[in-house]
PDB file of N, CA and C in Angstrom:
ATOM      1  N   UNK A   1      -3.470 -25.225 -33.620  1.00  0.00           N
ATOM      2  CA  UNK A   1      -4.380 -24.155 -33.349  1.00  0.00           C
ATOM      3  C   UNK A   1      -3.799 -23.183 -32.344  1.00  0.00           C
ATOM      4  N   UNK A   2      -4.597 -22.219 -31.980  1.00  0.00           N
ATOM      5  CA  UNK A   2      -4.149 -21.221 -31.014  1.00  0.00           C
ATOM      6  C   UNK A   2      -3.921 -21.843 -29.630  1.00  0.00           C
ATOM      7  N   UNK A   3      -3.073 -21.207 -28.874  1.00  0.00           N
ATOM      8  CA  UNK A   3      -2.773 -21.673 -27.518  1.00  0.00           C
ATOM      9  C   UNK A   3      -3.850 -21.174 -26.569  1.00  0.00           C
ATOM     10  N   UNK A   4      -4.404 -22.077 -25.759  1.00  0.00           N
ATOM     11  CA  UNK A   4      -5.383 -21.676 -24.758  1.00  0.00           C
ATOM     12  C   UNK A   4      -4.671 -21.072 -23.561  1.00  0.00           C
ATOM     13  N   UNK A   5      -5.211 -19.980 -23.047  1.00  0.00           N
ATOM     14  CA  UNK A   5      -4.696 -19.336 -21.848  1.00  0.00           C
ATOM     15  C   UNK A   5      -5.692 -19.629 -20.736  1.00  0.00           C
ATOM     16  N   UNK A   6      -5.234 -20.261 -19.674  1.00  0.00           N
ATOM     17  CA  UNK A   6      -6.132 -20.735 -18.611  1.00  0.00           C
ATOM     18  C   UNK A   6      -7.041 -19.636 -18.078  1.00  0.00           C
ATOM     19  N   UNK A   7      -6.468 -18.463 -17.781  1.00  0.00           N
ATOM     20  CA  UNK A   7      -7.293 -17.389 -17.229  1.00  0.00           C
ATOM     21  C   UNK A   7      -8.351 -16.948 -18.231  1.00  0.00           C
ATOM     22  N   UNK A   8      -7.977 -16.804 -19.491  1.00  0.00           N
ATOM     23  CA  UNK A   8      -8.931 -16.398 -20.518  1.00  0.00           C
ATOM     24  C   UNK A   8     -10.048 -17.428 -20.681  1.00  0.00           C
ATOM     25  N   UNK A   9      -9.689 -18.694 -20.615  1.00  0.00           N
ATOM     26  CA  UNK A   9     -10.696 -19.755 -20.710  1.00  0.00           C
ATOM     27  C   UNK A   9     -11.646 -19.699 -19.521  1.00  0.00           C
ATOM     28  N   UNK A  10     -11.101 -19.475 -18.336  1.00  0.00           N
ATOM     29  CA  UNK A  10     -11.922 -19.369 -17.134  1.00  0.00           C
ATOM     30  C   UNK A  10     -12.923 -18.229 -17.276  1.00  0.00           C
ATOM     31  N   UNK A  11     -12.445 -17.074 -17.710  1.00  0.00           N
ATOM     32  CA  UNK A  11     -13.307 -15.906 -17.872  1.00  0.00           C
ATOM     33  C   UNK A  11     -14.386 -16.164 -18.914  1.00  0.00           C
ATOM     34  N   UNK A  12     -14.015 -16.742 -20.036  1.00  0.00           N
ATOM     35  CA  UNK A  12     -14.992 -16.924 -21.109  1.00  0.00           C
ATOM     36  C   UNK A  12     -16.047 -17.978 -20.796  1.00  0.00           C
ATOM     37  N   UNK A  13     -15.712 -18.946 -19.967  1.00  0.00           N
ATOM     38  CA  UNK A  13     -16.654 -20.026 -19.668  1.00  0.00           C
ATOM     39  C   UNK A  13     -17.360 -19.884 -18.326  1.00  0.00           C
ATOM     40  N   UNK A  14     -16.865 -19.003 -17.454  1.00  0.00           N
ATOM     41  CA  UNK A  14     -17.470 -18.885 -16.135  1.00  0.00           C
ATOM     42  C   UNK A  14     -17.380 -17.459 -15.617  1.00  0.00           C
ATOM     43  N   UNK A  15     -17.971 -16.555 -16.345  1.00  0.00           N
ATOM     44  CA  UNK A  15     -17.932 -15.150 -15.973  1.00  0.00           C
ATOM     45  C   UNK A  15     -18.593 -14.833 -14.650  1.00  0.00           C
ATOM     46  N   UNK A  16     -19.408 -15.738 -14.115  1.00  0.00           N
ATOM     47  CA  UNK A  16     -20.063 -15.503 -12.830  1.00  0.00           C
ATOM     48  C   UNK A  16     -19.232 -16.009 -11.653  1.00  0.00           C
ATOM     49  N   UNK A  17     -18.109 -16.623 -11.925  1.00  0.00           N
ATOM     50  CA  UNK A  17     -17.240 -17.125 -10.868  1.00  0.00           C
ATOM     51  C   UNK A  17     -16.734 -15.961 -10.015  1.00  0.00           C
ATOM     52  N   UNK A  18     -16.797 -16.072  -8.684  1.00  0.00           N
ATOM     53  CA  UNK A  18     -16.295 -14.980  -7.838  1.00  0.00           C
ATOM     54  C   UNK A  18     -14.823 -14.658  -8.090  1.00  0.00           C
ATOM     55  N   UNK A  19     -14.019 -15.647  -8.382  1.00  0.00           N
ATOM     56  CA  UNK A  19     -12.610 -15.380  -8.641  1.00  0.00           C
ATOM     57  C   UNK A  19     -12.438 -14.550  -9.898  1.00  0.00           C
ATOM     58  N   UNK A  20     -13.225 -14.846 -10.923  1.00  0.00           N
ATOM     59  CA  UNK A  20     -13.157 -14.054 -12.158  1.00  0.00           C
ATOM     60  C   UNK A  20     -13.551 -12.608 -11.861  1.00  0.00           C
ATOM     61  N   UNK A  21     -14.568 -12.416 -11.040  1.00  0.00           N
ATOM     62  CA  UNK A  21     -15.018 -11.052 -10.746  1.00  0.00           C
ATOM     63  C   UNK A  21     -13.996 -10.278  -9.925  1.00  0.00           C
ATOM     64  N   UNK A  22     -13.037 -10.973  -9.304  1.00  0.00           N
ATOM     65  CA  UNK A  22     -12.006 -10.277  -8.544  1.00  0.00           C
ATOM     66  C   UNK A  22     -11.050  -9.520  -9.443  1.00  0.00           C
ATOM     67  N   UNK A  23     -11.167  -9.730 -10.759  1.00  0.00           N
ATOM     68  CA  UNK A  23     -10.366  -8.960 -11.699  1.00  0.00           C
ATOM     69  C   UNK A  23     -10.786  -7.493 -11.729  1.00  0.00           C
ATOM     70  N   UNK A  24     -11.964  -7.186 -11.200  1.00  0.00           N
ATOM     71  CA  UNK A  24     -12.462  -5.816 -11.169  1.00  0.00           C
ATOM     72  C   UNK A  24     -12.201  -5.221  -9.792  1.00  0.00           C
ATOM     73  N   UNK A  25     -11.618  -4.036  -9.772  1.00  0.00           N
ATOM     74  CA  UNK A  25     -11.236  -3.397  -8.514  1.00  0.00           C
ATOM     75  C   UNK A  25     -12.398  -3.284  -7.536  1.00  0.00           C
ATOM     76  N   UNK A  26     -13.565  -2.905  -8.014  1.00  0.00           N
ATOM     77  CA  UNK A  26     -14.702  -2.713  -7.116  1.00  0.00           C
ATOM     78  C   UNK A  26     -15.048  -4.015  -6.387  1.00  0.00           C
ATOM     79  N   UNK A  27     -14.936  -5.141  -7.063  1.00  0.00           N
ATOM     80  CA  UNK A  27     -15.236  -6.419  -6.428  1.00  0.00           C
ATOM     81  C   UNK A  27     -14.151  -6.831  -5.439  1.00  0.00           C
ATOM     82  N   UNK A  28     -12.898  -6.529  -5.763  1.00  0.00           N
ATOM     83  CA  UNK A  28     -11.824  -6.798  -4.806  1.00  0.00           C
ATOM     84  C   UNK A  28     -12.015  -5.957  -3.554  1.00  0.00           C
ATOM     85  N   UNK A  29     -12.393  -4.697  -3.746  1.00  0.00           N
ATOM     86  CA  UNK A  29     -12.597  -3.810  -2.604  1.00  0.00           C
ATOM     87  C   UNK A  29     -13.707  -4.333  -1.698  1.00  0.00           C
ATOM     88  N   UNK A  30     -14.730  -4.900  -2.279  1.00  0.00           N
ATOM     89  CA  UNK A  30     -15.817  -5.463  -1.476  1.00  0.00           C
ATOM     90  C   UNK A  30     -15.339  -6.585  -0.561  1.00  0.00           C
ATOM     91  N   UNK A  31     -14.331  -7.342  -0.984  1.00  0.00           N
ATOM     92  CA  UNK A  31     -13.841  -8.418  -0.117  1.00  0.00           C
ATOM     93  C   UNK A  31     -13.259  -7.836   1.169  1.00  0.00           C
ATOM     94  N   UNK A  32     -12.695  -6.651   1.093  1.00  0.00           N
ATOM     95  CA  UNK A  32     -12.142  -6.001   2.282  1.00  0.00           C
ATOM     96  C   UNK A  32     -13.252  -5.421   3.158  1.00  0.00           C
ATOM     97  N   UNK A  33     -14.188  -4.715   2.537  1.00  0.00           N
ATOM     98  CA  UNK A  33     -15.213  -4.031   3.321  1.00  0.00           C
ATOM     99  C   UNK A  33     -16.226  -5.010   3.923  1.00  0.00           C
ATOM    100  N   UNK A  34     -16.610  -6.025   3.182  1.00  0.00           N
ATOM    101  CA  UNK A  34     -17.614  -6.965   3.681  1.00  0.00           C
ATOM    102  C   UNK A  34     -17.075  -7.936   4.720  1.00  0.00           C
ATOM    103  N   UNK A  35     -15.795  -8.246   4.647  1.00  0.00           N
ATOM    104  CA  UNK A  35     -15.227  -9.236   5.567  1.00  0.00           C
ATOM    105  C   UNK A  35     -14.535  -8.608   6.771  1.00  0.00           C
ATOM    106  N   UNK A  36     -14.595  -7.288   6.898  1.00  0.00           N
ATOM    107  CA  UNK A  36     -14.056  -6.643   8.077  1.00  0.00           C
ATOM    108  C   UNK A  36     -12.556  -6.452   8.099  1.00  0.00           C
ATOM    109  N   UNK A  37     -11.992  -5.983   6.996  1.00  0.00           N
ATOM    110  CA  UNK A  37     -10.563  -5.683   6.929  1.00  0.00           C
ATOM    111  C   UNK A  37     -10.189  -4.817   8.133  1.00  0.00           C
ATOM    112  N   UNK A  38      -9.192  -5.227   8.908  1.00  0.00           N
ATOM    113  CA  UNK A  38      -8.893  -4.538  10.169  1.00  0.00           C
ATOM    114  C   UNK A  38      -8.070  -3.258  10.048  1.00  0.00           C
ATOM    115  N   UNK A  39      -7.824  -2.770   8.838  1.00  0.00           N
ATOM    116  CA  UNK A  39      -6.985  -1.583   8.654  1.00  0.00           C
ATOM    117  C   UNK A  39      -7.726  -0.492   7.899  1.00  0.00           C
ATOM    118  N   UNK A  40      -7.208   0.727   8.020  1.00  0.00           N
ATOM    119  CA  UNK A  40      -7.761   1.858   7.275  1.00  0.00           C
ATOM    120  C   UNK A  40      -6.597   2.745   6.858  1.00  0.00           C
ATOM    121  N   UNK A  41      -6.900   3.947   6.445  1.00  0.00           N
ATOM    122  CA  UNK A  41      -5.852   4.891   6.065  1.00  0.00           C
ATOM    123  C   UNK A  41      -5.086   4.441   4.837  1.00  0.00           C
ATOM    124  N   UNK A  42      -3.755   4.452   4.952  1.00  0.00           N
ATOM    125  CA  UNK A  42      -2.920   4.171   3.785  1.00  0.00           C
ATOM    126  C   UNK A  42      -3.027   2.730   3.293  1.00  0.00           C
ATOM    127  N   UNK A  43      -3.545   1.841   4.115  1.00  0.00           N
ATOM    128  CA  UNK A  43      -3.747   0.454   3.667  1.00  0.00           C
ATOM    129  C   UNK A  43      -5.223   0.067   3.785  1.00  0.00           C
ATOM    130  N   UNK A  44      -6.085   1.027   3.503  1.00  0.00           N
ATOM    131  CA  UNK A  44      -7.519   0.783   3.518  1.00  0.00           C
ATOM    132  C   UNK A  44      -7.956  -0.039   2.318  1.00  0.00           C
ATOM    133  N   UNK A  45      -9.218  -0.464   2.311  1.00  0.00           N
ATOM    134  CA  UNK A  45      -9.738  -1.321   1.252  1.00  0.00           C
ATOM    135  C   UNK A  45      -9.518  -0.817  -0.166  1.00  0.00           C
ATOM    136  N   UNK A  46      -9.730   0.470  -0.392  1.00  0.00           N
ATOM    137  CA  UNK A  46      -9.594   0.999  -1.743  1.00  0.00           C
ATOM    138  C   UNK A  46      -8.160   0.887  -2.255  1.00  0.00           C
ATOM    139  N   UNK A  47      -7.208   1.258  -1.413  1.00  0.00           N
ATOM    140  CA  UNK A  47      -5.808   1.214  -1.837  1.00  0.00           C
ATOM    141  C   UNK A  47      -5.343  -0.222  -2.047  1.00  0.00           C
ATOM    142  N   UNK A  48      -5.768  -1.129  -1.169  1.00  0.00           N
ATOM    143  CA  UNK A  48      -5.373  -2.522  -1.305  1.00  0.00           C
ATOM    144  C   UNK A  48      -5.956  -3.125  -2.581  1.00  0.00           C
ATOM    145  N   UNK A  49      -7.221  -2.834  -2.860  1.00  0.00           N
ATOM    146  CA  UNK A  49      -7.862  -3.347  -4.071  1.00  0.00           C
ATOM    147  C   UNK A  49      -7.212  -2.777  -5.321  1.00  0.00           C
ATOM    148  N   UNK A  50      -6.862  -1.498  -5.270  1.00  0.00           N
ATOM    149  CA  UNK A  50      -6.209  -0.865  -6.422  1.00  0.00           C
ATOM    150  C   UNK A  50      -4.856  -1.513  -6.707  1.00  0.00           C
ATOM    151  N   UNK A  51      -4.193  -1.995  -5.647  1.00  0.00           N
ATOM    152  CA  UNK A  51      -2.897  -2.660  -5.805  1.00  0.00           C
ATOM    153  C   UNK A  51      -3.044  -4.104  -6.291  1.00  0.00           C
ATOM    154  N   UNK A  52      -4.288  -4.558  -6.496  1.00  0.00           N
ATOM    155  CA  UNK A  52      -4.525  -5.893  -7.046  1.00  0.00           C
ATOM    156  C   UNK A  52      -4.838  -6.962  -6.021  1.00  0.00           C
ATOM    157  N   UNK A  53      -4.973  -6.569  -4.754  1.00  0.00           N
ATOM    158  CA  UNK A  53      -5.225  -7.549  -3.700  1.00  0.00           C
ATOM    159  C   UNK A  53      -6.711  -7.747  -3.429  1.00  0.00           C
ATOM    160  N   UNK A  54      -7.044  -8.928  -2.920  1.00  0.00           N
ATOM    161  CA  UNK A  54      -8.343  -9.169  -2.322  1.00  0.00           C
ATOM    162  C   UNK A  54      -8.096  -9.726  -0.932  1.00  0.00           C
ATOM    163  N   UNK A  55      -9.082  -9.590  -0.057  1.00  0.00           N
ATOM    164  CA  UNK A  55      -8.943 -10.004   1.335  1.00  0.00           C
ATOM    165  C   UNK A  55      -9.444 -11.426   1.488  1.00  0.00           C
ATOM    166  N   UNK A  56      -8.601 -12.275   2.044  1.00  0.00           N
ATOM    167  CA  UNK A  56      -8.947 -13.678   2.242  1.00  0.00           C
ATOM    168  C   UNK A  56      -8.529 -14.081   3.654  1.00  0.00           C
ATOM    169  N   UNK A  57      -9.314 -13.652   4.656  1.00  0.00           N
ATOM    170  CA  UNK A  57      -8.907 -13.934   6.027  1.00  0.00           C
ATOM    171  C   UNK A  57      -8.992 -15.419   6.363  1.00  0.00           C
ATOM    172  N   UNK A  58      -8.043 -15.852   7.154  1.00  0.00           N
ATOM    173  CA  UNK A  58      -8.092 -17.208   7.689  1.00  0.00           C
ATOM    174  C   UNK A  58      -9.032 -17.163   8.880  1.00  0.00           C
ATOM    175  N   UNK A  59      -9.172 -18.248   9.559  1.00  0.00           N
ATOM    176  CA  UNK A  59     -10.079 -18.275  10.700  1.00  0.00           C
ATOM    177  C   UNK A  59      -9.462 -17.677  11.955  1.00  0.00           C
ATOM    178  N   UNK A  60      -8.200 -17.265  11.875  1.00  0.00           N
ATOM    179  CA  UNK A  60      -7.534 -16.674  13.023  1.00  0.00           C
ATOM    180  C   UNK A  60      -8.052 -15.257  13.261  1.00  0.00           C
ATOM    181  N   UNK A  61      -8.177 -14.890  14.520  1.00  0.00           N
ATOM    182  CA  UNK A  61      -8.615 -13.542  14.855  1.00  0.00           C
ATOM    183  C   UNK A  61      -7.574 -12.530  14.394  1.00  0.00           C
ATOM    184  N   UNK A  62      -8.044 -11.399  13.895  1.00  0.00           N
ATOM    185  CA  UNK A  62      -7.172 -10.315  13.461  1.00  0.00           C
ATOM    186  C   UNK A  62      -6.311 -10.670  12.250  1.00  0.00           C
ATOM    187  N   UNK A  63      -6.689 -11.677  11.495  1.00  0.00           N
ATOM    188  CA  UNK A  63      -5.903 -12.031  10.317  1.00  0.00           C
ATOM    189  C   UNK A  63      -6.085 -10.971   9.242  1.00  0.00           C
ATOM    190  N   UNK A  64      -4.992 -10.611   8.589  1.00  0.00           N
ATOM    191  CA  UNK A  64      -5.069  -9.595   7.536  1.00  0.00           C
ATOM    192  C   UNK A  64      -4.369 -10.071   6.262  1.00  0.00           C
ATOM    193  N   UNK A  65      -4.640 -11.305   5.884  1.00  0.00           N
ATOM    194  CA  UNK A  65      -4.048 -11.852   4.672  1.00  0.00           C
ATOM    195  C   UNK A  65      -4.694 -11.235   3.435  1.00  0.00           C
ATOM    196  N   UNK A  66      -3.872 -10.649   2.590  1.00  0.00           N
ATOM    197  CA  UNK A  66      -4.315 -10.091   1.317  1.00  0.00           C
ATOM    198  C   UNK A  66      -3.589 -10.859   0.217  1.00  0.00           C
ATOM    199  N   UNK A  67      -4.327 -11.234  -0.810  1.00  0.00           N
ATOM    200  CA  UNK A  67      -3.780 -12.076  -1.875  1.00  0.00           C
ATOM    201  C   UNK A  67      -3.914 -11.363  -3.212  1.00  0.00           C
ATOM    202  N   UNK A  68      -2.859 -11.450  -4.032  1.00  0.00           N
ATOM    203  CA  UNK A  68      -2.906 -10.886  -5.376  1.00  0.00           C
ATOM    204  C   UNK A  68      -3.769 -11.780  -6.258  1.00  0.00           C
ATOM    205  N   UNK A  69      -4.702 -11.191  -6.954  1.00  0.00           N
ATOM    206  CA  UNK A  69      -5.618 -11.941  -7.805  1.00  0.00           C
ATOM    207  C   UNK A  69      -4.898 -12.580  -8.989  1.00  0.00           C
ATOM    208  N   UNK A  70      -3.795 -12.004  -9.418  1.00  0.00           N
ATOM    209  CA  UNK A  70      -3.121 -12.511 -10.608  1.00  0.00           C
ATOM    210  C   UNK A  70      -2.050 -13.554 -10.289  1.00  0.00           C
ATOM    211  N   UNK A  71      -1.124 -13.225  -9.384  1.00  0.00           N
ATOM    212  CA  UNK A  71       0.012 -14.128  -9.147  1.00  0.00           C
ATOM    213  C   UNK A  71      -0.136 -15.005  -7.910  1.00  0.00           C
ATOM    214  N   UNK A  72      -1.118 -14.706  -7.050  1.00  0.00           N
ATOM    215  CA  UNK A  72      -1.337 -15.527  -5.865  1.00  0.00           C
ATOM    216  C   UNK A  72      -0.474 -15.160  -4.673  1.00  0.00           C
ATOM    217  N   UNK A  73       0.327 -14.107  -4.763  1.00  0.00           N
ATOM    218  CA  UNK A  73       1.138 -13.664  -3.645  1.00  0.00           C
ATOM    219  C   UNK A  73       0.239 -13.363  -2.460  1.00  0.00           C
ATOM    220  N   UNK A  74       0.522 -13.961  -1.305  1.00  0.00           N
ATOM    221  CA  UNK A  74      -0.255 -13.729  -0.091  1.00  0.00           C
ATOM    222  C   UNK A  74       0.624 -13.012   0.930  1.00  0.00           C
ATOM    223  N   UNK A  75       0.144 -11.878   1.418  1.00  0.00           N
ATOM    224  CA  UNK A  75       0.879 -11.097   2.404  1.00  0.00           C
ATOM    225  C   UNK A  75       0.003 -10.845   3.614  1.00  0.00           C
ATOM    226  N   UNK A  76       0.620 -10.841   4.790  1.00  0.00           N
ATOM    227  CA  UNK A  76      -0.104 -10.515   6.014  1.00  0.00           C
ATOM    228  C   UNK A  76       0.823  -9.752   6.947  1.00  0.00           C
ATOM    229  N   UNK A  77       0.328  -9.441   8.130  1.00  0.00           N
ATOM    230  CA  UNK A  77       1.132  -8.691   9.081  1.00  0.00           C
ATOM    231  C   UNK A  77       1.301  -7.234   8.720  1.00  0.00           C
ATOM    232  N   UNK A  78       0.264  -6.647   8.129  1.00  0.00           N
ATOM    233  CA  UNK A  78       0.313  -5.251   7.722  1.00  0.00           C
ATOM    234  C   UNK A  78       0.418  -4.344   8.949  1.00  0.00           C
ATOM    235  N   UNK A  79       1.254  -3.328   8.856  1.00  0.00           N
ATOM    236  CA  UNK A  79       1.433  -2.351   9.927  1.00  0.00           C
ATOM    237  C   UNK A  79       0.726  -1.058   9.558  1.00  0.00           C
ATOM    238  N   UNK A  80       0.287  -0.280  10.567  1.00  0.00           N
ATOM    239  CA  UNK A  80      -0.440   0.972  10.286  1.00  0.00           C
ATOM    240  C   UNK A  80       0.302   1.945   9.369  1.00  0.00           C
ATOM    241  N   UNK A  81       1.631   1.949   9.393  1.00  0.00           N
ATOM    242  CA  UNK A  81       2.368   2.889   8.552  1.00  0.00           C
ATOM    243  C   UNK A  81       2.758   2.304   7.197  1.00  0.00           C
ATOM    244  N   UNK A  82       2.319   1.101   6.869  1.00  0.00           N
ATOM    245  CA  UNK A  82       2.594   0.514   5.558  1.00  0.00           C
ATOM    246  C   UNK A  82       1.849   1.283   4.477  1.00  0.00           C
ATOM    247  N   UNK A  83       2.403   1.259   3.284  1.00  0.00           N
ATOM    248  CA  UNK A  83       1.773   1.933   2.156  1.00  0.00           C
ATOM    249  C   UNK A  83       1.792   0.999   0.968  1.00  0.00           C
TER     250      UNK A  83
END
């Protein structure tokens, strides 16, 4: 039979899952705005969400970990002049 794709199966069986909803830019952007993303300007919530990231802060103060919804790449230590 056809090959199952894990992400497609997740979406089809659990469309209300928050991780599935992170596939939509508006929902990714909300993770930045609601959780207090510490940056603005060129690395503000809209630009970060458009690049495929969602905000997943650790419990550390001033944490700015952003994670790619597709590949899981986690980046932090963003500087004000980053783009």
